[in-house]
C-alpha atoms as a PDB file:
ATOM      1  CA  MET A   1     -64.118 -29.375 -91.422  1.00  0.00           C
ATOM      2  CA  ARG A   2     -66.753 -26.926 -92.581  1.00  0.00           C
ATOM      3  CA  ALA A   3     -65.764 -24.380 -89.924  1.00  0.00           C
ATOM      4  CA  THR A   4     -62.146 -24.635 -91.039  1.00  0.00           C
ATOM      5  CA  TYR A   5     -63.159 -24.149 -94.669  1.00  0.00           C
ATOM      6  CA  PHE A   6     -65.140 -20.954 -93.995  1.00  0.00           C
ATOM      7  CA  PHE A   7     -62.366 -19.574 -91.773  1.00  0.00           C
ATOM      8  CA  ILE A   8     -59.713 -20.106 -94.449  1.00  0.00           C
ATOM      9  CA  LEU A   9     -61.997 -18.683 -97.143  1.00  0.00           C
ATOM     10  CA  ALA A  10     -62.665 -15.507 -95.122  1.00  0.00           C
ATOM     11  CA  LEU A  11     -58.996 -15.055 -94.261  1.00  0.00           C
ATOM     12  CA  SER A  12     -57.920 -15.604 -97.871  1.00  0.00           C
ATOM     13  CA  THR A  13     -60.417 -12.990 -99.068  1.00  0.00           C
ATOM     14  CA  LEU A  14     -59.062 -10.501 -96.516  1.00  0.00           C
ATOM     15  CA  LEU A  15     -55.467 -11.080 -97.565  1.00  0.00           C
ATOM     16  CA  VAL A  16     -56.243 -10.837-101.268  1.00  0.00           C
ATOM     17  CA  GLY A  17     -58.096  -7.548-100.706  1.00  0.00           C
ATOM     18  CA  CYS A  18     -55.205  -6.113 -98.732  1.00  0.00           C
ATOM     19  CA  ALA A  19     -52.666  -7.185-101.356  1.00  0.00           C
ATOM     20  CA  SER A  20     -54.526  -5.756-104.361  1.00  0.00           C
ATOM     21  CA  THR A  21     -55.400  -2.245-103.115  1.00  0.00           C
ATOM     22  CA  ILE A  22     -54.498   0.203-100.363  1.00  0.00           C
ATOM     23  CA  THR A  23     -57.320   2.395 -99.069  1.00  0.00           C
ATOM     24  CA  SER A  24     -56.576   5.536 -97.055  1.00  0.00           C
ATOM     25  CA  GLU A  25     -58.529   8.315 -95.407  1.00  0.00           C
ATOM     26  CA  VAL A  26     -56.992  11.664 -96.300  1.00  0.00           C
ATOM     27  CA  THR A  27     -57.807  14.947 -94.539  1.00  0.00           C
ATOM     28  CA  ALA A  28     -56.165  18.245 -95.463  1.00  0.00           C
ATOM     29  CA  PHE A  29     -56.474  21.684 -93.875  1.00  0.00           C
ATOM     30  CA  HIS A  30     -54.998  24.600 -95.771  1.00  0.00           C
ATOM     31  CA  GLU A  31     -55.008  28.258 -96.678  1.00  0.00           C
ATOM     32  CA  TRP A  32     -53.531  27.692-100.079  1.00  0.00           C
ATOM     33  CA  SER A  33     -53.426  30.401-102.708  1.00  0.00           C
ATOM     34  CA  GLY A  34     -52.719  29.981-106.390  1.00  0.00           C
ATOM     35  CA  SER A  35     -50.232  32.834-106.130  1.00  0.00           C
ATOM     36  CA  THR A  36     -48.264  31.105-103.356  1.00  0.00           C
ATOM     37  CA  GLN A  37     -44.592  30.836-104.253  1.00  0.00           C
ATOM     38  CA  GLN A  38     -43.622  27.342-105.266  1.00  0.00           C
ATOM     39  CA  THR A  39     -40.253  26.839-103.523  1.00  0.00           C
ATOM     40  CA  TYR A  40     -39.662  24.824-100.366  1.00  0.00           C
ATOM     41  CA  ARG A  41     -37.054  23.229 -98.169  1.00  0.00           C
ATOM     42  CA  PHE A  42     -37.299  20.335 -95.741  1.00  0.00           C
ATOM     43  CA  GLU A  43     -36.982  21.117 -92.069  1.00  0.00           C
ATOM     44  CA  ALA A  44     -35.352  18.040 -90.508  1.00  0.00           C
ATOM     45  CA  THR A  45     -33.728  17.425 -87.148  1.00  0.00           C
ATOM     46  CA  PRO A  46     -30.032  16.399 -87.140  1.00  0.00           C
ATOM     47  CA  LEU A  47     -31.135  12.854 -86.275  1.00  0.00           C
ATOM     48  CA  GLN A  48     -33.519  12.739 -89.239  1.00  0.00           C
ATOM     49  CA  ALA A  49     -30.958  14.256 -91.597  1.00  0.00           C
ATOM     50  CA  ASN A  50     -28.540  11.416 -90.794  1.00  0.00           C
ATOM     51  CA  ASP A  51     -31.197   8.688 -91.057  1.00  0.00           C
ATOM     52  CA  LEU A  52     -31.099   6.820 -94.366  1.00  0.00           C
ATOM     53  CA  GLU A  53     -34.708   5.684 -94.077  1.00  0.00           C
ATOM     54  CA  TYR A  54     -35.885   9.255 -93.518  1.00  0.00           C
ATOM     55  CA  ARG A  55     -33.872  10.491 -96.489  1.00  0.00           C
ATOM     56  CA  SER A  56     -35.377   7.768 -98.659  1.00  0.00           C
ATOM     57  CA  TYR A  57     -38.901   8.918 -97.734  1.00  0.00           C
ATOM     58  CA  GLN A  58     -37.791  12.508 -98.303  1.00  0.00           C
ATOM     59  CA  ASN A  59     -36.872  11.632-101.884  1.00  0.00           C
ATOM     60  CA  LEU A  60     -40.288  10.040-102.397  1.00  0.00           C
ATOM     61  CA  LEU A  61     -41.934  13.219-101.166  1.00  0.00           C
ATOM     62  CA  LYS A  62     -39.709  15.371-103.409  1.00  0.00           C
ATOM     63  CA  THR A  63     -40.995  13.452-106.436  1.00  0.00           C
ATOM     64  CA  GLY A  64     -44.600  13.882-105.292  1.00  0.00           C
ATOM     65  CA  LEU A  65     -44.151  17.608-104.631  1.00  0.00           C
ATOM     66  CA  MET A  66     -42.627  18.099-108.067  1.00  0.00           C
ATOM     67  CA  ARG A  67     -45.740  16.543-109.624  1.00  0.00           C
ATOM     68  CA  VAL A  68     -47.965  19.154-107.944  1.00  0.00           C
ATOM     69  CA  GLY A  69     -45.747  22.050-109.032  1.00  0.00           C
ATOM     70  CA  LEU A  70     -43.486  22.607-106.008  1.00  0.00           C
ATOM     71  CA  GLN A  71     -39.724  22.928-106.424  1.00  0.00           C
ATOM     72  CA  GLU A  72     -37.006  22.420-103.825  1.00  0.00           C
ATOM     73  CA  ALA A  73     -35.151  25.673-103.200  1.00  0.00           C
ATOM     74  CA  THR A  74     -31.522  25.761-104.279  1.00  0.00           C
ATOM     75  CA  GLU A  75     -30.681  28.320-101.586  1.00  0.00           C
ATOM     76  CA  ASN A  76     -31.984  29.229 -98.127  1.00  0.00           C
ATOM     77  CA  ASP A  77     -34.680  31.574 -99.463  1.00  0.00           C
ATOM     78  CA  ALA A  78     -37.450  28.945 -99.700  1.00  0.00           C
ATOM     79  CA  TYR A  79     -41.005  30.196 -99.283  1.00  0.00           C
ATOM     80  CA  LEU A  80     -42.169  27.040 -97.467  1.00  0.00           C
ATOM     81  CA  ASN A  81     -40.655  24.910 -94.733  1.00  0.00           C
ATOM     82  CA  ILE A  82     -41.907  21.312 -94.942  1.00  0.00           C
ATOM     83  CA  LYS A  83     -41.952  18.717 -92.183  1.00  0.00           C
ATOM     84  CA  PHE A  84     -43.269  15.172 -92.347  1.00  0.00           C
ATOM     85  CA  SER A  85     -43.527  12.152 -90.094  1.00  0.00           C
ATOM     86  CA  ALA A  86     -44.668   8.569 -90.620  1.00  0.00           C
ATOM     87  CA  LYS A  87     -45.474   5.750 -88.236  1.00  0.00           C
ATOM     88  CA  ILE A  88     -47.157   2.343 -87.958  1.00  0.00           C
ATOM     89  CA  THR A  89     -49.149   1.310 -84.879  1.00  0.00           C
ATOM     90  CA  PRO A  90     -50.301  -2.311 -84.355  1.00  0.00           C
ATOM     91  CA  ARG A  91     -53.839  -2.958 -83.088  1.00  0.00           C
ATOM     92  CA  ASP A  92     -55.216  -6.314 -81.932  1.00  0.00           C
ATOM     93  CA  VAL A  93     -58.657  -7.198 -83.306  1.00  0.00           C
ATOM     94  CA  ARG A  94     -61.008  -9.847 -81.912  1.00  0.00           C
ATOM     95  CA  VAL A  95     -63.920 -11.008 -84.057  1.00  0.00           C
ATOM     96  CA  ILE A  96     -66.699 -13.480 -83.166  1.00  0.00           C
ATOM     97  CA  GLU A  97     -68.103 -15.168 -86.262  1.00  0.00           C
ATOM     98  CA  THR A  98     -71.017 -17.591 -86.551  1.00  0.00           C
ATOM     99  CA  VAL A  99     -70.179 -20.460 -88.879  1.00  0.00           C
ATOM    100  CA  LEU A 100     -71.805 -23.759 -89.793  1.00  0.00           C
ATOM    101  CA  VAL A 101     -70.036 -26.863 -88.539  1.00  0.00           C
ATOM    102  CA  ASP A 102     -70.715 -30.567 -89.035  1.00  0.00           C
ATOM    103  CA  SER A 103     -71.961 -32.055 -85.762  1.00  0.00           C
ATOM    104  CA  TRP A 104     -72.246 -35.791 -85.007  1.00  0.00           C
ATOM    105  CA  TYR A 105     -73.325 -35.218 -81.432  1.00  0.00           C
ATOM    106  CA  GLY A 106     -75.936 -33.157 -79.741  1.00  0.00           C
ATOM    107  CA  THR A 107     -78.492 -33.322 -82.569  1.00  0.00           C
ATOM    108  CA  PRO A 108     -81.761 -35.306 -82.627  1.00  0.00           C
ATOM    109  CA  TRP A 109     -80.497 -37.226 -85.643  1.00  0.00           C
ATOM    110  CA  TYR A 110     -77.463 -38.692 -83.942  1.00  0.00           C
ATOM    111  CA  GLY A 111     -77.512 -42.435 -84.477  1.00  0.00           C
ATOM    112  CA  PRO A 112     -76.228 -45.153 -86.750  1.00  0.00           C
ATOM    113  CA  GLY A 113     -77.209 -43.259 -89.878  1.00  0.00           C
ATOM    114  CA  PHE A 114     -80.532 -45.011 -90.531  1.00  0.00           C
ATOM    115  CA  GLY A 115     -82.335 -41.682 -90.581  1.00  0.00           C
ATOM    116  CA  TYR A 116     -84.476 -42.030 -87.419  1.00  0.00           C
ATOM    117  CA  PRO A 117     -84.177 -40.778 -83.844  1.00  0.00           C
ATOM    118  CA  TYR A 118     -82.127 -43.318 -81.936  1.00  0.00           C
ATOM    119  CA  TRP A 119     -84.518 -43.193 -78.952  1.00  0.00           C
ATOM    120  CA  SER A 120     -87.680 -43.898 -80.962  1.00  0.00           C
ATOM    121  CA  GLY A 121     -87.341 -47.628 -81.352  1.00  0.00           C
ATOM    122  CA  TRP A 122     -88.329 -47.464 -85.008  1.00  0.00           C
ATOM    123  CA  SER A 123     -86.874 -50.258 -87.079  1.00  0.00           C
ATOM    124  CA  GLY A 124     -85.930 -47.917 -89.890  1.00  0.00           C
ATOM    125  CA  TYR A 125     -86.486 -50.502 -92.580  1.00  0.00           C
ATOM    126  CA  GLY A 126     -89.268 -49.441 -94.911  1.00  0.00           C
ATOM    127  CA  HIS A 127     -89.405 -45.972 -93.344  1.00  0.00           C
ATOM    128  CA  PRO A 128     -89.442 -43.060 -95.873  1.00  0.00           C
ATOM    129  CA  LEU A 129     -86.298 -41.597 -94.263  1.00  0.00           C
ATOM    130  CA  TYR A 130     -84.397 -44.893 -94.233  1.00  0.00           C
ATOM    131  CA  GLY A 131     -80.968 -44.526 -95.795  1.00  0.00           C
ATOM    132  CA  ARG A 132     -80.661 -40.770 -95.245  1.00  0.00           C
ATOM    133  CA  ASN A 133     -77.815 -39.723 -92.995  1.00  0.00           C
ATOM    134  CA  PHE A 134     -78.847 -36.896 -90.699  1.00  0.00           C
ATOM    135  CA  ALA A 135     -76.026 -37.485 -88.257  1.00  0.00           C
ATOM    136  CA  SER A 136     -73.835 -34.786 -89.805  1.00  0.00           C
ATOM    137  CA  MET A 137     -76.399 -32.002 -90.103  1.00  0.00           C
ATOM    138  CA  PRO A 138     -74.657 -28.559 -89.948  1.00  0.00           C
ATOM    139  CA  VAL A 139     -75.300 -26.474 -86.841  1.00  0.00           C
ATOM    140  CA  PRO A 140     -74.247 -22.851 -86.118  1.00  0.00           C
ATOM    141  CA  ARG A 141     -71.331 -22.259 -83.800  1.00  0.00           C
ATOM    142  CA  ASP A 142     -69.481 -19.112 -82.677  1.00  0.00           C
ATOM    143  CA  VAL A 143     -65.800 -19.059 -83.595  1.00  0.00           C
ATOM    144  CA  GLU A 144     -63.325 -16.508 -82.244  1.00  0.00           C
ATOM    145  CA  ARG A 145     -60.748 -15.073 -84.609  1.00  0.00           C
ATOM    146  CA  ARG A 146     -57.848 -12.840 -83.533  1.00  0.00           C
ATOM    147  CA  TYR A 147     -55.504 -10.948 -85.801  1.00  0.00           C
ATOM    148  CA  THR A 148     -53.403  -7.780 -85.880  1.00  0.00           C
ATOM    149  CA  VAL A 149     -54.276  -4.718 -87.943  1.00  0.00           C
ATOM    150  CA  PHE A 150     -51.639  -2.057 -88.554  1.00  0.00           C
ATOM    151  CA  GLN A 151     -52.609   1.612 -88.668  1.00  0.00           C
ATOM    152  CA  ARG A 152     -50.290   3.450 -91.053  1.00  0.00           C
ATOM    153  CA  GLU A 153     -50.080   7.240 -90.744  1.00  0.00           C
ATOM    154  CA  LEU A 154     -48.324   9.986 -92.692  1.00  0.00           C
ATOM    155  CA  LYS A 155     -48.428  13.657 -91.708  1.00  0.00           C
ATOM    156  CA  ILE A 156     -47.100  16.516 -93.835  1.00  0.00           C
ATOM    157  CA  SER A 157     -47.065  20.158 -92.804  1.00  0.00           C
ATOM    158  CA  MET A 158     -46.061  23.241 -94.807  1.00  0.00           C
ATOM    159  CA  VAL A 159     -45.292  26.502 -93.037  1.00  0.00           C
ATOM    160  CA  ASN A 160     -44.603  29.977 -94.368  1.00  0.00           C
ATOM    161  CA  ALA A 161     -40.861  30.347 -93.785  1.00  0.00           C
ATOM    162  CA  LYS A 162     -41.088  34.068 -93.010  1.00  0.00           C
ATOM    163  CA  SER A 163     -44.238  34.334 -90.895  1.00  0.00           C
ATOM    164  CA  GLY A 164     -44.177  30.863 -89.331  1.00  0.00           C
ATOM    165  CA  LEU A 165     -47.874  30.424 -90.121  1.00  0.00           C
ATOM    166  CA  ALA A 166     -49.179  27.064 -91.276  1.00  0.00           C
ATOM    167  CA  VAL A 167     -50.200  26.976 -94.928  1.00  0.00           C
ATOM    168  CA  TYR A 168     -51.008  23.306 -95.523  1.00  0.00           C
ATOM    169  CA  GLU A 169     -51.432  20.244 -93.296  1.00  0.00           C
ATOM    170  CA  VAL A 170     -52.470  16.789 -94.441  1.00  0.00           C
ATOM    171  CA  THR A 171     -52.920  13.489 -92.594  1.00  0.00           C
ATOM    172  CA  VAL A 172     -53.160  10.098 -94.282  1.00  0.00           C
ATOM    173  CA  ARG A 173     -54.408   7.090 -92.309  1.00  0.00           C
ATOM    174  CA  SER A 174     -54.659   3.552 -93.616  1.00  0.00           C
ATOM    175  CA  ASP A 175     -55.413   0.240 -91.877  1.00  0.00           C
ATOM    176  CA  GLY A 176     -54.205  -3.110 -93.194  1.00  0.00           C
ATOM    177  CA  ALA A 177     -52.185  -6.274 -92.735  1.00  0.00           C
ATOM    178  CA  GLU A 178     -48.954  -4.848 -94.192  1.00  0.00           C
ATOM    179  CA  SER A 179     -46.516  -3.549 -91.567  1.00  0.00           C
ATOM    180  CA  ASN A 180     -43.544  -2.652 -93.753  1.00  0.00           C
ATOM    181  CA  LEU A 181     -43.410   1.144 -93.923  1.00  0.00           C
ATOM    182  CA  ALA A 182     -40.934   1.142 -96.816  1.00  0.00           C
ATOM    183  CA  LYS A 183     -43.470  -0.738 -98.973  1.00  0.00           C
ATOM    184  CA  LEU A 184     -46.323   1.564 -97.987  1.00  0.00           C
ATOM    185  CA  MET A 185     -44.741   5.027 -98.210  1.00  0.00           C
ATOM    186  CA  PRO A 186     -45.142   5.449-102.003  1.00  0.00           C
ATOM    187  CA  TYR A 187     -48.905   4.892-101.619  1.00  0.00           C
ATOM    188  CA  LEU A 188     -49.211   7.141 -98.561  1.00  0.00           C
ATOM    189  CA  VAL A 189     -47.342   9.962-100.321  1.00  0.00           C
ATOM    190  CA  GLU A 190     -49.429   9.569-103.483  1.00  0.00           C
ATOM    191  CA  SER A 191     -52.636   9.600-101.428  1.00  0.00           C
ATOM    192  CA  ALA A 192     -51.528  12.700 -99.490  1.00  0.00           C
ATOM    193  CA  LEU A 193     -50.897  14.744-102.631  1.00  0.00           C
ATOM    194  CA  GLN A 194     -53.693  13.458-104.866  1.00  0.00           C
ATOM    195  CA  ASP A 195     -55.769  16.403-106.183  1.00  0.00           C
ATOM    196  CA  PHE A 196     -53.482  18.777-104.263  1.00  0.00           C
ATOM    197  CA  PRO A 197     -54.376  20.965-102.413  1.00  0.00           C
ATOM    198  CA  GLY A 198     -57.929  19.587-102.336  1.00  0.00           C
ATOM    199  CA  LYS A 199     -60.882  20.870-100.363  1.00  0.00           C
ATOM    200  CA  SER A 200     -59.913  22.055 -96.889  1.00  0.00           C
ATOM    201  CA  GLY A 201     -61.376  20.147 -93.942  1.00  0.00           C
ATOM    202  CA  THR A 202     -63.140  17.488 -96.026  1.00  0.00           C
ATOM    203  CA  PRO A 203     -62.028  13.876 -95.444  1.00  0.00           C
ATOM    204  CA  ARG A 204     -61.598  11.814 -98.601  1.00  0.00           C
ATOM    205  CA  VAL A 205     -61.212   8.076 -99.130  1.00  0.00           C
ATOM    206  CA  ILE A 206     -58.570   7.184-101.716  1.00  0.00           C
ATOM    207  CA  THR A 207     -57.998   3.663-103.015  1.00  0.00           C
ATOM    208  CA  LEU A 208     -54.838   2.889-104.965  1.00  0.00           C
ATOM    209  CA  PRO A 209     -53.979  -0.362-106.771  1.00  0.00           C
ATOM    210  CA  VAL A 210     -50.868  -2.095-105.521  1.00  0.00           C
ATOM    211  CA  LYS A 211     -48.181  -2.172-108.177  1.00  0.00           C
ATOM    212  CA  LYS A 212     -46.878  -5.658-108.902  1.00  0.00           C
END
């Protein structure tokens, strides 16, 4: 019973942590200039352009880009071409934990509960340990736990439309129990553009509270 209790407690703590915040590692590389023109257009394949899920994520990104001062071009003269991709990859995790379990067998106190070694021949009556039950003393035991962790990834790239040179690239990676990309994309987009453009080549850890 004790092993089950600790297992459930640990699992519950993990799930609560995952449900309350989303932590991501964000790394951006850029050659961003304050004088860079602020117009862009999305560069999507025909398949992406006809995909409703992709267009939904595109709208999320539009909102995020507007917050950092970028505007979608109304014509084909955008300064930046923007591409993005998102994916979730499952990963199996195996953990060996040492927990305390109640053991009635295999301990020197196994017996009828009189509090003396069953092989000693002591009567038990009148003994200082008489009446104490050592039969269920906790002992350590290794328990294997398996679960699936999902690696969520968002990549955004911005390219100078005229020269074709990369101007800004950012990658967001986050591990957790949630596998629904639609639920996660608002947090991945917000993490990608937080403190835009940020320091080039310096990984940052960003933790966002999950909105109820």
